[in-house]
Structure formats: structure tokens, C-alpha cells
Amino acid sequence: MLRPERLRQVPEQFSWVDQALVQRHFIDRCEARAAALYLFLVTVADAQGLSYYGESTLTRRLHLSREELVAARAQLVNIELIAYQAPLYQVLAFPGTPSRVPAQAQMRNSSDGPVNLAQRLDQMRHRRAQL
């Protein structure tokens, strides 16, 4: 995860997209292209809000030019609705929303940067041995 402290949670109200998007006026701060990108990412993201869709797929599926996609992504990053580190997107919990960080998200190296697969597997083996 790019921002484990901002892991999104499934909202309690009856709505597939968190109503805070409208109630807290985040949608008002998005241009239509950014809103379309956000909806797409919310729809395809896994339980941790992660998606690996590439630029070519996103531009084709959303009918955007590369420049339009870059601008939409930048807008969502600026209002803290997503995090992006190529090629990974993370749909974030809304700013100010308390989030529980699961144990898996805490398994990071001491520099708090990305962990490679070998390190992650070692951490998981060590954790299992402790159980």
C-alpha cells in the first residue's frame, strides 16, 4: 500500500460509493474527468483500495488523452482522494476519516519505504512463526 494510514473502509450507509464524496463536497472540487477516474478506481480497486491499471487502459476506457488523465490524476492526488506511484493507485479514506491500519499494512521495512517481495515473504514467515 502507498498510504496504509489512509486505508479506506466500506461505508456503513447504503451506497456503493461513500456518500461523504457528496456530503463533504469532494465531488464539488473535481472536474468531470477526475470524477470519472475516481469512479473507475473505486469500482476496480481491491479491498485495500489498490489498482494497477495502466495509463493506456485508463485513457482508452475513460476516453481521455494522456494529458487529460495526468491532469485528472493530479487533481485527485491534490485533494487527497487517491495516492499514486506508477503503476499503483490507492483509493484513500477521505481526509479526516479515522482508519484502522491492518497488521499486514504494518509489515514494512524500517525505512518505511517499499518492501520487495523477498522481504515481504520473510516478514510473513517470521510473523507466522510467532503465532
Protein backbone atom coordinates (compact mmCIF):
# COMPACT_ATOMS: atom_id res chain seq x y z
CA MET A 1 0.00 0.00 0.00
CA LEU A 2 1.15 3.50 -0.66
CA ARG A 3 -0.64 5.10 2.31
CA PRO A 4 -1.59 2.40 4.87
CA GLU A 5 -2.74 5.03 7.36
CA ARG A 6 -5.44 6.03 4.87
CA LEU A 7 -6.88 2.56 4.17
CA ARG A 8 -10.44 3.05 3.04
CA GLN A 9 -13.27 1.27 4.81
CA VAL A 10 -16.56 0.16 3.33
CA PRO A 11 -19.08 2.87 4.30
CA GLU A 12 -21.90 1.92 6.68
CA GLN A 13 -24.69 3.67 4.75
CA PHE A 14 -26.50 2.00 1.87
CA SER A 15 -24.43 3.23 -1.04
CA TRP A 16 -21.65 1.67 -3.09
CA VAL A 17 -19.69 4.91 -3.15
CA ASP A 18 -19.22 6.65 0.17
CA GLN A 19 -21.78 9.45 0.48
CA ALA A 20 -19.08 11.65 2.03
CA LEU A 21 -17.95 12.25 -1.54
CA VAL A 22 -21.02 14.46 -1.92
CA GLN A 23 -21.76 15.38 1.71
CA ARG A 24 -18.23 16.68 2.37
CA HIS A 25 -18.11 18.40 -1.06
CA PHE A 26 -15.17 16.47 -2.52
CA ILE A 27 -17.16 15.97 -5.73
CA ASP A 28 -17.50 19.76 -5.99
CA ARG A 29 -13.72 20.02 -6.18
CA CYS A 30 -13.41 17.55 -9.08
CA GLU A 31 -13.67 18.22 -12.76
CA ALA A 32 -15.74 15.64 -14.66
CA ARG A 33 -12.63 13.77 -15.85
CA ALA A 34 -11.28 13.47 -12.31
CA ALA A 35 -14.68 12.27 -11.08
CA ALA A 36 -14.76 9.65 -13.86
CA LEU A 37 -11.26 8.45 -12.93
CA TYR A 38 -12.23 8.28 -9.25
CA LEU A 39 -15.37 6.27 -10.02
CA PHE A 40 -13.38 3.87 -12.18
CA LEU A 41 -10.72 3.39 -9.49
CA VAL A 42 -13.32 2.89 -6.74
CA THR A 43 -15.01 0.30 -8.93
CA VAL A 44 -11.90 -1.75 -9.81
CA ALA A 45 -9.86 -1.38 -6.61
CA ASP A 46 -9.30 -4.32 -4.30
CA ALA A 47 -10.23 -4.37 -0.61
CA GLN A 48 -7.24 -2.16 0.21
CA GLY A 49 -8.16 0.37 -2.46
CA LEU A 50 -5.33 -0.73 -4.75
CA SER A 51 -5.38 -0.84 -8.54
CA TYR A 52 -2.69 -1.42 -11.15
CA TYR A 53 -4.50 -0.19 -14.26
CA GLY A 54 -2.04 1.34 -16.71
CA GLU A 55 -2.28 4.66 -18.49
CA SER A 56 -3.11 3.15 -21.87
CA THR A 57 -6.01 1.17 -20.42
CA LEU A 58 -7.32 4.12 -18.42
CA THR A 59 -7.13 6.54 -21.35
CA ARG A 60 -8.93 4.05 -23.58
CA ARG A 61 -11.62 3.06 -21.07
CA LEU A 62 -12.30 6.65 -19.92
CA HIS A 63 -11.93 8.22 -23.40
CA LEU A 64 -9.21 10.58 -22.20
CA SER A 65 -5.97 11.77 -23.73
CA ARG A 66 -2.80 11.08 -21.76
CA GLU A 67 -2.68 14.76 -20.75
CA GLU A 68 -6.28 14.67 -19.53
CA LEU A 69 -5.57 11.54 -17.49
CA VAL A 70 -2.47 13.10 -15.93
CA ALA A 71 -4.45 16.23 -15.02
CA ALA A 72 -7.36 14.21 -13.57
CA ARG A 73 -4.95 12.08 -11.53
CA ALA A 74 -3.12 15.16 -10.24
CA GLN A 75 -6.40 16.70 -9.16
CA LEU A 76 -7.40 13.57 -7.20
CA VAL A 77 -3.96 13.40 -5.57
CA ASN A 78 -4.15 17.11 -4.64
CA ILE A 79 -7.50 16.73 -2.89
CA GLU A 80 -6.23 13.53 -1.23
CA LEU A 81 -8.74 11.11 -2.72
CA ILE A 82 -6.03 8.88 -4.21
CA ALA A 83 -2.34 8.17 -3.88
CA TYR A 84 -0.33 7.31 -6.98
CA GLN A 85 3.08 5.82 -7.51
CA ALA A 86 3.38 4.37 -11.02
CA PRO A 87 1.87 1.95 -11.75
CA LEU A 88 -0.02 1.70 -8.45
CA TYR A 89 -3.13 3.64 -7.47
CA GLN A 90 -4.63 3.61 -3.99
CA VAL A 91 -8.11 4.97 -3.32
CA LEU A 92 -7.78 6.65 0.07
CA ALA A 93 -10.07 7.10 3.01
CA PHE A 94 -11.40 10.64 3.00
CA PRO A 95 -9.18 13.14 4.80
CA GLY A 96 -10.05 13.29 8.49
CA THR A 97 -11.66 9.84 8.48
CA PRO A 98 -10.30 7.58 11.22
CA SER A 99 -8.77 4.46 9.72
CA ARG A 100 -7.68 1.18 11.23
CA VAL A 101 -4.35 0.01 9.87
CA PRO A 102 -4.42 -3.78 9.49
CA ALA A 103 -1.45 -5.86 10.65
CA GLN A 104 -0.46 -6.62 7.05
CA ALA A 105 -0.08 -2.90 6.34
CA GLN A 106 2.25 -2.55 9.30
CA MET A 107 4.71 -5.05 7.80
CA ARG A 108 7.06 -2.52 6.28
CA ASN A 109 10.79 -2.15 6.47
CA SER A 110 12.47 0.21 8.94
CA SER A 111 12.92 2.95 6.33
CA ASP A 112 9.13 2.94 5.81
CA GLY A 113 9.66 2.68 2.06
CA PRO A 114 8.55 -0.01 -0.35
CA VAL A 115 9.29 -3.59 0.60
CA ASN A 116 10.46 -6.04 -2.05
CA LEU A 117 8.81 -9.42 -2.41
CA ALA A 118 11.63 -11.37 -0.72
CA GLN A 119 11.49 -9.05 2.31
CA ARG A 120 7.70 -9.34 2.45
CA LEU A 121 7.84 -13.15 2.37
CA ASP A 122 10.47 -13.18 5.14
CA GLN A 123 8.29 -10.89 7.25
CA MET A 124 5.25 -13.10 6.69
CA ARG A 125 7.22 -16.26 7.62
CA HIS A 126 8.51 -14.58 10.76
CA ARG A 127 5.02 -13.43 11.70
CA ARG A 128 3.59 -16.93 11.17
CA ALA A 129 6.32 -18.43 13.34
CA GLN A 130 5.28 -16.09 16.15
CA LEU A 131 1.63 -17.27 16.03
